[in-house]
Amino acid sequence: MSDRRTAFLERLPLLGDRPVLRYALAIAVSVGACIVRSALDAWFPPGFPFLTFFPAVIVSAFLLGRGPGTVAAGLCGLMAWYYFIPPFQSFAIVGSTAVALGFYAAVVTVDIALVHWMQHANQAVRLERERNQALATGSARLAARNELLFQELQHRVSNNIQMVGAVLSLHRRGLDDARARSALDDAAARIGLIGRIQRQLYDIDGKDIDLTAFIRALVDDLAAADGRTGVRYTLTVDPAVALAADARIPFALILAEAVANAMEHGFAGRETGTVTVDVGRTAREIVLSIADDGAGLPNGFDVAASTSLGLTIVRALARQLDGQFAVRAAPGGGTISSLTFVPAQIAAIADAG
């Protein structure tokens, strides 16, 4: 009911596209007010010539607008003056007549002005709401278009990444050298991993990712690729850990490489084992730890001197995060790989200080 009443008020004055009818109705209302005043004349005490004319002027201005209201005010004033102000049926002016007409003119002027200002304010509100609705509709369409373009961009990027992996696989088929074939296999696998990470990490709204769900999906993906059902994976993620957008892919690639190394080297020749992934933080740093209970490190292993392609990439990615990557023997057997870095926002505060 309130909405319908508001909508009606905002449409006033009525018949805006039919001015002749508006003025005709104002005249009819004025004449009707005169007829009612005449019919009730015997019931009214002396001195109230405008009693039915005030409502006629207000109704005309309210429903039909300032122009018809002004016409009704003039016509009602003339009829009241002629029929109901002594000397009757005359436009003669005496002292009391001038006072009555002046009072009438002042009252109807104020009434018409107030009604006009109210209607003007209602129309301004309506126009503003329509403009906001149009902007909201336009924004929704723009958002939908941006989402479509973003999804198309993501699709094309993923396709391009897959194409690069396919090209590497084609080149691999033409090679006889086992080391070259292995290198291309590794490169194709890493490119495919980048494509999967890229699809999961980026959101059109720029929302923070669910880090636990993302790491779980990544580890499950790596486990499925490995194929050994006897290896168990445990995951712990501190809810306080958040990654900046530009840190997500390096972080994910380092995690993936460490888990892959645990599978490939720690559990070589084995069908069972445990890989523990832990993501936590100290007061300043984010700490990623990947531990396995596998065969452990070879004697004299030095991660900084390793020429492994995977570890070379990991060290480069760690430097990109301004962090440190380390590999050490676990106390109870096995290997622990760890990444430690300061989040970008804390680093920025430190640099500013």
Protein backbone atom coordinates (compact mmCIF):
# COMPACT_ATOMS: atom_id res chain seq x y z
CA MET A 1 0.00 0.00 0.00
CA SER A 2 2.78 2.41 0.90
CA ASP A 3 4.59 1.73 -2.38
CA ARG A 4 1.41 2.32 -4.40
CA ARG A 5 0.76 5.57 -2.55
CA THR A 6 4.31 6.71 -3.15
CA ALA A 7 4.08 5.81 -6.83
CA PHE A 8 0.82 7.78 -7.14
CA LEU A 9 2.27 10.87 -5.47
CA GLU A 10 5.30 10.77 -7.74
CA ARG A 11 3.07 10.74 -10.83
CA LEU A 12 1.39 14.02 -9.85
CA PRO A 13 0.24 16.21 -11.47
CA LEU A 14 -1.99 13.93 -13.52
CA LEU A 15 -2.70 14.21 -17.25
CA GLY A 16 0.60 15.94 -17.93
CA ASP A 17 0.30 15.18 -21.65
CA ARG A 18 -3.29 16.50 -21.90
CA PRO A 19 -3.26 20.16 -20.78
CA VAL A 20 -6.70 21.07 -22.19
CA LEU A 21 -8.35 18.33 -20.13
CA ARG A 22 -6.44 19.40 -17.02
CA TYR A 23 -7.70 22.97 -17.26
CA ALA A 24 -11.23 21.81 -18.10
CA LEU A 25 -11.27 19.63 -14.99
CA ALA A 26 -10.01 22.52 -12.86
CA ILE A 27 -12.87 24.66 -14.14
CA ALA A 28 -15.36 21.86 -13.49
CA VAL A 29 -14.10 21.43 -9.93
CA SER A 30 -14.43 25.18 -9.36
CA VAL A 31 -17.98 25.24 -10.68
CA GLY A 32 -18.83 22.21 -8.55
CA ALA A 33 -17.47 24.00 -5.48
CA CYS A 34 -19.70 26.97 -6.29
CA ILE A 35 -22.75 24.70 -6.61
CA VAL A 36 -22.01 23.01 -3.29
CA ARG A 37 -21.49 26.41 -1.64
CA SER A 38 -24.86 27.59 -2.95
CA ALA A 39 -26.62 24.41 -1.79
CA LEU A 40 -25.17 24.76 1.70
CA ASP A 41 -25.46 28.50 1.96
CA ALA A 42 -28.39 28.32 4.39
CA TRP A 43 -26.38 26.07 6.66
CA PHE A 44 -23.27 28.27 6.79
CA PRO A 45 -22.97 31.22 9.14
CA PRO A 46 -22.28 34.63 7.58
CA GLY A 47 -18.69 35.50 6.82
CA PHE A 48 -17.46 32.25 5.21
CA PRO A 49 -17.68 32.89 1.46
CA PHE A 50 -14.65 30.75 0.55
CA LEU A 51 -15.43 27.66 2.61
CA THR A 52 -15.93 25.23 -0.31
CA PHE A 53 -13.58 27.06 -2.66
CA PHE A 54 -10.38 26.45 -0.69
CA PRO A 55 -10.67 22.65 -1.06
CA ALA A 56 -11.43 23.08 -4.79
CA VAL A 57 -8.24 25.10 -5.29
CA ILE A 58 -6.11 22.64 -3.27
CA VAL A 59 -7.53 19.59 -5.08
CA SER A 60 -7.00 21.20 -8.48
CA ALA A 61 -3.41 22.16 -7.68
CA PHE A 62 -2.68 18.78 -6.07
CA LEU A 63 -4.09 16.59 -8.81
CA LEU A 64 -3.71 18.76 -11.92
CA GLY A 65 -0.75 21.03 -11.26
CA ARG A 66 0.15 24.63 -10.57
CA GLY A 67 -1.43 26.06 -13.76
CA PRO A 68 -4.88 24.47 -13.34
CA GLY A 69 -4.70 25.26 -9.61
CA THR A 70 -4.08 28.91 -10.40
CA VAL A 71 -7.02 28.97 -12.84
CA ALA A 72 -9.22 27.32 -10.18
CA ALA A 73 -8.06 29.88 -7.61
CA GLY A 74 -8.96 32.79 -9.90
CA LEU A 75 -12.31 31.34 -10.94
CA CYS A 76 -13.27 30.38 -7.38
CA GLY A 77 -12.30 33.84 -6.16
CA LEU A 78 -14.48 35.51 -8.76
CA MET A 79 -17.48 33.26 -8.03
CA ALA A 80 -17.12 33.75 -4.29
CA TRP A 81 -16.84 37.52 -4.78
CA TYR A 82 -19.86 37.68 -7.08
CA TYR A 83 -22.21 35.29 -5.30
CA PHE A 84 -21.23 35.16 -1.64
CA ILE A 85 -19.62 38.51 -0.69
CA PRO A 86 -21.99 41.48 -0.20
CA PRO A 87 -23.17 43.28 -2.16
CA PHE A 88 -24.21 39.99 -3.81
CA GLN A 89 -24.08 39.39 -7.56
CA SER A 90 -21.77 42.33 -7.91
CA PHE A 91 -18.06 42.94 -8.17
CA ALA A 92 -18.28 46.05 -6.06
CA ILE A 93 -15.44 46.56 -3.59
CA VAL A 94 -16.05 47.80 -0.10
CA GLY A 95 -13.67 47.75 2.82
CA SER A 96 -14.55 44.28 4.07
CA THR A 97 -14.60 42.91 0.53
CA ALA A 98 -10.99 43.97 -0.08
CA VAL A 99 -9.89 42.35 3.18
CA ALA A 100 -11.69 39.07 2.37
CA LEU A 101 -10.29 38.92 -1.16
CA GLY A 102 -6.80 39.73 0.07
CA PHE A 103 -7.02 36.98 2.67
CA TYR A 104 -8.28 34.53 0.04
CA ALA A 105 -5.50 35.47 -2.39
CA ALA A 106 -2.82 35.01 0.27
CA VAL A 107 -4.12 31.62 1.39
CA VAL A 108 -4.53 30.13 -2.10
CA THR A 109 -1.12 31.47 -3.17
CA VAL A 110 0.54 29.71 -0.25
CA ASP A 111 -1.46 26.52 -0.87
CA ILE A 112 -0.59 26.38 -4.55
CA ALA A 113 3.09 27.12 -3.86
CA LEU A 114 3.33 24.40 -1.20
CA VAL A 115 1.64 21.84 -3.44
CA HIS A 116 3.92 22.77 -6.35
CA TRP A 117 7.08 22.48 -4.24
CA MET A 118 5.95 19.11 -2.90
CA GLN A 119 5.31 17.81 -6.41
CA HIS A 120 8.63 19.18 -7.62
CA ALA A 121 10.41 17.38 -4.75
CA ASN A 122 8.55 14.14 -5.50
CA GLN A 123 9.50 14.34 -9.16
CA ALA A 124 13.13 14.98 -8.25
CA VAL A 125 13.10 11.90 -6.01
CA ARG A 126 11.51 9.83 -8.77
CA LEU A 127 14.03 10.99 -11.36
CA GLU A 128 16.91 10.29 -8.99
CA ARG A 129 15.60 6.81 -8.25
CA GLU A 130 15.12 6.09 -11.95
CA ARG A 131 18.64 7.34 -12.61
CA ASN A 132 20.01 5.13 -9.84
CA GLN A 133 18.07 2.17 -11.19
CA ALA A 134 19.44 2.86 -14.65
CA LEU A 135 22.96 3.09 -13.24
CA ALA A 136 22.43 -0.13 -11.27
CA THR A 137 21.15 -1.87 -14.38
CA GLY A 138 24.08 -0.54 -16.38
CA SER A 139 26.51 -1.58 -13.65
CA ALA A 140 24.99 -5.07 -13.53
CA ARG A 141 25.31 -5.37 -17.29
CA LEU A 142 28.88 -4.08 -17.16
CA ALA A 143 29.71 -6.51 -14.35
CA ALA A 144 28.20 -9.38 -16.34
CA ARG A 145 30.15 -8.31 -19.42
CA ASN A 146 33.38 -8.02 -17.42
CA GLU A 147 32.80 -11.46 -15.90
CA LEU A 148 32.21 -12.91 -19.36
CA LEU A 149 35.38 -11.26 -20.68
CA PHE A 150 37.33 -12.43 -17.64
CA GLN A 151 36.13 -16.00 -18.09
CA GLU A 152 36.97 -15.82 -21.78
CA LEU A 153 40.44 -14.52 -20.93
CA GLN A 154 40.92 -17.30 -18.38
CA HIS A 155 39.78 -19.83 -20.96
CA ARG A 156 42.17 -18.49 -23.58
CA VAL A 157 45.10 -18.37 -21.14
CA SER A 158 44.40 -21.95 -20.09
CA ASN A 159 44.14 -23.04 -23.71
CA ASN A 160 47.41 -21.32 -24.55
CA ILE A 161 49.14 -22.99 -21.61
CA GLN A 162 47.78 -26.37 -22.68
CA MET A 163 48.93 -25.66 -26.22
CA VAL A 164 52.47 -25.01 -25.00
CA GLY A 165 52.39 -28.32 -23.09
CA ALA A 166 51.08 -30.12 -26.18
CA VAL A 167 53.86 -28.63 -28.33
CA LEU A 168 56.47 -29.81 -25.82
CA SER A 169 54.93 -33.29 -25.86
CA LEU A 170 55.09 -33.34 -29.67
CA HIS A 171 58.76 -32.36 -29.60
CA ARG A 172 59.41 -35.08 -27.02
CA ARG A 173 58.18 -37.77 -29.43
CA GLY A 174 60.86 -36.83 -31.93
CA LEU A 175 63.72 -37.15 -29.46
CA ASP A 176 65.82 -40.22 -28.84
CA ASP A 177 67.88 -38.82 -25.97
CA ALA A 178 66.39 -40.03 -22.67
CA ARG A 179 67.54 -36.95 -20.74
CA ALA A 180 66.01 -34.61 -23.28
CA ARG A 181 62.75 -36.55 -23.24
CA SER A 182 62.71 -36.44 -19.44
CA ALA A 183 63.38 -32.70 -19.43
CA LEU A 184 60.51 -32.07 -21.83
CA ASP A 185 58.26 -34.32 -19.75
CA ASP A 186 59.11 -32.27 -16.66
CA ALA A 187 58.55 -29.01 -18.51
CA ALA A 188 55.17 -30.14 -19.90
CA ALA A 189 54.08 -31.32 -16.46
CA ARG A 190 55.04 -28.02 -14.84
CA ILE A 191 53.28 -26.02 -17.53
CA GLY A 192 50.15 -28.09 -17.01
CA LEU A 193 50.42 -27.47 -13.27
CA ILE A 194 50.73 -23.72 -13.85
CA GLY A 195 47.56 -23.85 -15.94
CA ARG A 196 45.63 -25.64 -13.20
CA ILE A 197 46.90 -23.26 -10.54
CA GLN A 198 46.06 -20.25 -12.68
CA ARG A 199 42.44 -21.36 -13.08
CA GLN A 200 42.00 -21.84 -9.34
CA LEU A 201 43.76 -18.77 -8.02
CA TYR A 202 42.24 -15.88 -9.89
CA ASP A 203 38.79 -14.51 -9.19
CA ILE A 204 37.14 -11.67 -11.11
CA ASP A 205 36.02 -10.01 -7.85
CA GLY A 206 39.54 -10.06 -6.46
CA LYS A 207 38.31 -12.04 -3.44
CA ASP A 208 40.77 -13.82 -1.21
CA ILE A 209 40.98 -17.49 -2.02
CA ASP A 210 40.19 -20.20 0.48
CA LEU A 211 43.80 -21.21 1.05
CA THR A 212 42.97 -24.49 2.78
CA ALA A 213 40.64 -25.60 -0.01
CA PHE A 214 43.14 -24.54 -2.66
CA ILE A 215 46.07 -26.40 -1.08
CA ARG A 216 43.89 -29.45 -0.51
CA ALA A 217 42.85 -29.43 -4.19
CA LEU A 218 46.47 -28.99 -5.29
CA VAL A 219 47.74 -31.83 -3.11
CA ASP A 220 44.88 -34.08 -4.23
CA ASP A 221 45.76 -33.28 -7.83
CA LEU A 222 49.41 -34.18 -7.27
CA ALA A 223 48.44 -37.36 -5.43
CA ALA A 224 46.13 -38.40 -8.26
CA ALA A 225 48.91 -37.82 -10.77
CA ASP A 226 51.28 -39.95 -8.68
CA GLY A 227 48.76 -42.79 -8.50
CA ARG A 228 49.96 -44.47 -5.29
CA THR A 229 47.02 -45.08 -2.99
CA GLY A 230 49.14 -46.06 0.00
CA VAL A 231 50.64 -42.62 0.50
CA ARG A 232 48.73 -40.56 3.07
CA TYR A 233 48.60 -36.75 3.00
CA THR A 234 47.86 -34.54 6.00
CA LEU A 235 47.28 -30.80 5.80
CA THR A 236 47.29 -28.03 8.39
CA VAL A 237 46.70 -24.39 7.44
CA ASP A 238 46.67 -21.50 9.92
CA PRO A 239 43.48 -19.44 9.25
CA ALA A 240 45.51 -16.28 9.84
CA VAL A 241 47.61 -16.90 6.73
CA ALA A 242 46.63 -14.83 3.69
CA LEU A 243 48.51 -14.56 0.42
CA ALA A 244 48.75 -11.51 -1.80
CA ALA A 245 47.67 -12.12 -5.40
CA ASP A 246 51.21 -11.89 -6.80
CA ALA A 247 52.52 -14.39 -4.22
CA ARG A 248 49.99 -17.14 -4.94
CA ILE A 249 51.50 -18.76 -8.03
CA PRO A 250 55.12 -18.81 -6.72
CA PHE A 251 53.86 -20.20 -3.40
CA ALA A 252 51.77 -22.87 -5.14
CA LEU A 253 54.58 -23.90 -7.48
CA ILE A 254 57.04 -24.24 -4.60
CA LEU A 255 54.51 -26.33 -2.68
CA ALA A 256 53.86 -28.50 -5.73
CA GLU A 257 57.57 -29.05 -6.38
CA ALA A 258 58.25 -29.99 -2.76
CA VAL A 259 55.35 -32.47 -2.69
CA ALA A 260 56.41 -33.92 -6.06
CA ASN A 261 59.99 -34.36 -4.79
CA ALA A 262 58.69 -36.20 -1.71
CA MET A 263 56.74 -38.57 -3.96
CA GLU A 264 59.48 -39.07 -6.51
CA HIS A 265 62.54 -39.30 -4.30
CA GLY A 266 61.32 -39.90 -0.76
CA PHE A 267 59.03 -42.77 -1.74
CA ALA A 268 60.98 -44.19 -4.66
CA GLY A 269 60.21 -47.87 -4.80
CA ARG A 270 57.64 -47.61 -2.00
CA GLU A 271 53.86 -47.71 -2.03
CA THR A 272 53.24 -46.28 1.44
CA GLY A 273 54.24 -43.21 3.37
CA THR A 274 53.05 -39.93 4.81
CA VAL A 275 53.41 -36.40 3.48
CA THR A 276 52.60 -33.59 5.92
CA VAL A 277 51.91 -30.10 4.62
CA ASP A 278 51.84 -27.32 7.19
CA VAL A 279 51.21 -23.62 6.48
CA GLY A 280 51.63 -21.31 9.44
CA ARG A 281 53.00 -17.96 10.40
CA THR A 282 55.03 -16.20 13.02
CA ALA A 283 54.69 -12.57 14.00
CA ARG A 284 56.33 -11.54 10.71
CA GLU A 285 56.74 -14.52 8.43
CA ILE A 286 54.69 -17.10 6.59
CA VAL A 287 56.17 -20.60 6.87
CA LEU A 288 55.39 -23.47 4.49
CA SER A 289 56.65 -26.89 5.54
CA ILE A 290 56.42 -30.17 3.60
CA ALA A 291 57.65 -33.20 5.52
CA ASP A 292 57.79 -36.85 4.47
CA ASP A 293 58.85 -40.04 6.21
CA GLY A 294 60.61 -41.36 3.14
CA ALA A 295 64.18 -42.36 2.36
CA GLY A 296 65.71 -39.05 3.40
CA LEU A 297 68.42 -36.97 1.75
CA PRO A 298 71.51 -38.43 0.10
CA ASN A 299 74.80 -37.89 1.88
CA GLY A 300 76.31 -34.46 1.31
CA PHE A 301 73.17 -33.03 -0.24
CA ASP A 302 73.22 -29.21 -0.52
CA VAL A 303 70.09 -27.56 -1.86
CA ALA A 304 72.01 -24.40 -2.79
CA ALA A 305 74.46 -26.39 -4.95
CA SER A 306 71.88 -28.68 -6.54
CA THR A 307 71.61 -28.52 -10.34
CA SER A 308 68.15 -30.10 -10.39
CA LEU A 309 65.81 -28.15 -12.67
CA GLY A 310 63.01 -28.33 -10.13
CA LEU A 311 65.12 -27.04 -7.24
CA THR A 312 66.62 -24.34 -9.47
CA ILE A 313 63.10 -23.14 -10.27
CA VAL A 314 62.10 -23.31 -6.60
CA ARG A 315 65.09 -21.21 -5.53
CA ALA A 316 64.18 -18.61 -8.18
CA LEU A 317 60.58 -18.55 -7.02
CA ALA A 318 61.66 -18.16 -3.39
CA ARG A 319 63.81 -15.18 -4.38
CA GLN A 320 60.77 -13.74 -6.16
CA LEU A 321 58.99 -13.81 -2.79
CA ASP A 322 62.08 -12.40 -1.04
CA GLY A 323 62.05 -15.64 0.94
CA GLN A 324 64.27 -18.60 1.69
CA PHE A 325 63.84 -22.22 0.64
CA ALA A 326 65.60 -24.95 2.56
CA VAL A 327 65.74 -28.75 2.56
CA ARG A 328 66.93 -30.68 5.61
CA ALA A 329 66.78 -34.16 7.06
CA ALA A 330 63.87 -34.83 9.39
CA PRO A 331 64.85 -35.90 12.93
CA GLY A 332 62.98 -39.21 12.73
CA GLY A 333 63.93 -39.96 9.14
CA GLY A 334 62.67 -38.46 5.95
CA THR A 335 62.95 -34.94 4.57
CA ILE A 336 61.57 -31.52 5.42
CA SER A 337 61.34 -28.82 2.75
CA SER A 338 60.47 -25.34 3.95
CA LEU A 339 59.73 -21.92 2.52
CA THR A 340 59.90 -18.84 4.74
CA PHE A 341 59.01 -15.35 3.55
CA VAL A 342 57.66 -12.06 4.84
CA PRO A 343 54.21 -11.08 3.46
CA ALA A 344 54.28 -8.12 1.11
CA GLN A 345 52.25 -5.81 3.36
CA ILE A 346 54.61 -6.36 6.32
CA ALA A 347 57.65 -5.92 4.08
CA ALA A 348 56.21 -2.64 2.76
CA ILE A 349 55.72 -1.36 6.33
CA ALA A 350 59.27 -2.36 7.21
CA ASP A 351 60.65 -0.59 4.11
CA ALA A 352 58.68 2.54 4.92
CA GLY A 353 60.01 2.53 8.46
